[in-house]
Amino acid sequence: MTRLHIKIKDNEKAIIVLNLLKELPFVEIE
């Protein structure tokens, strides 16, 4: 349960980081 919870949190963090990168005008994600 703890490992699964940490995995989900890490995935959410990655999604948040990607969303922040998309917001930046000088970063191009292809």
Protein backbone atom coordinates (compact mmCIF):
# COMPACT_ATOMS: atom_id res chain seq x y z
CA MET A 1 0.00 0.00 0.00
CA THR A 2 2.77 2.44 0.91
CA ARG A 3 4.72 1.72 -2.27
CA LEU A 4 1.61 2.17 -4.40
CA HIS A 5 0.85 5.46 -2.64
CA ILE A 6 4.40 6.71 -3.27
CA LYS A 7 4.20 5.62 -6.91
CA ILE A 8 0.99 7.57 -7.41
CA LYS A 9 2.50 10.64 -5.74
CA ASP A 10 5.56 10.44 -7.99
CA ASN A 11 3.36 10.15 -11.07
CA GLU A 12 1.35 13.17 -9.98
CA LYS A 13 4.58 15.11 -9.43
CA ALA A 14 5.77 14.23 -12.94
CA ILE A 15 2.45 15.37 -14.42
CA ILE A 16 2.61 18.64 -12.48
CA VAL A 17 6.18 19.26 -13.67
CA LEU A 18 5.23 18.56 -17.29
CA ASN A 19 2.26 20.92 -17.00
CA LEU A 20 4.52 23.64 -15.59
CA LEU A 21 7.01 23.13 -18.42
CA LYS A 22 4.19 23.47 -20.97
CA GLU A 23 3.24 26.81 -19.38
CA LEU A 24 6.73 28.22 -20.00
CA PRO A 25 6.91 29.99 -23.39
CA PHE A 26 10.58 29.18 -23.99
CA VAL A 27 10.14 25.42 -23.54
CA GLU A 28 9.03 23.35 -26.51
CA ILE A 29 7.78 19.82 -25.87
CA GLU A 30 7.49 17.70 -29.00
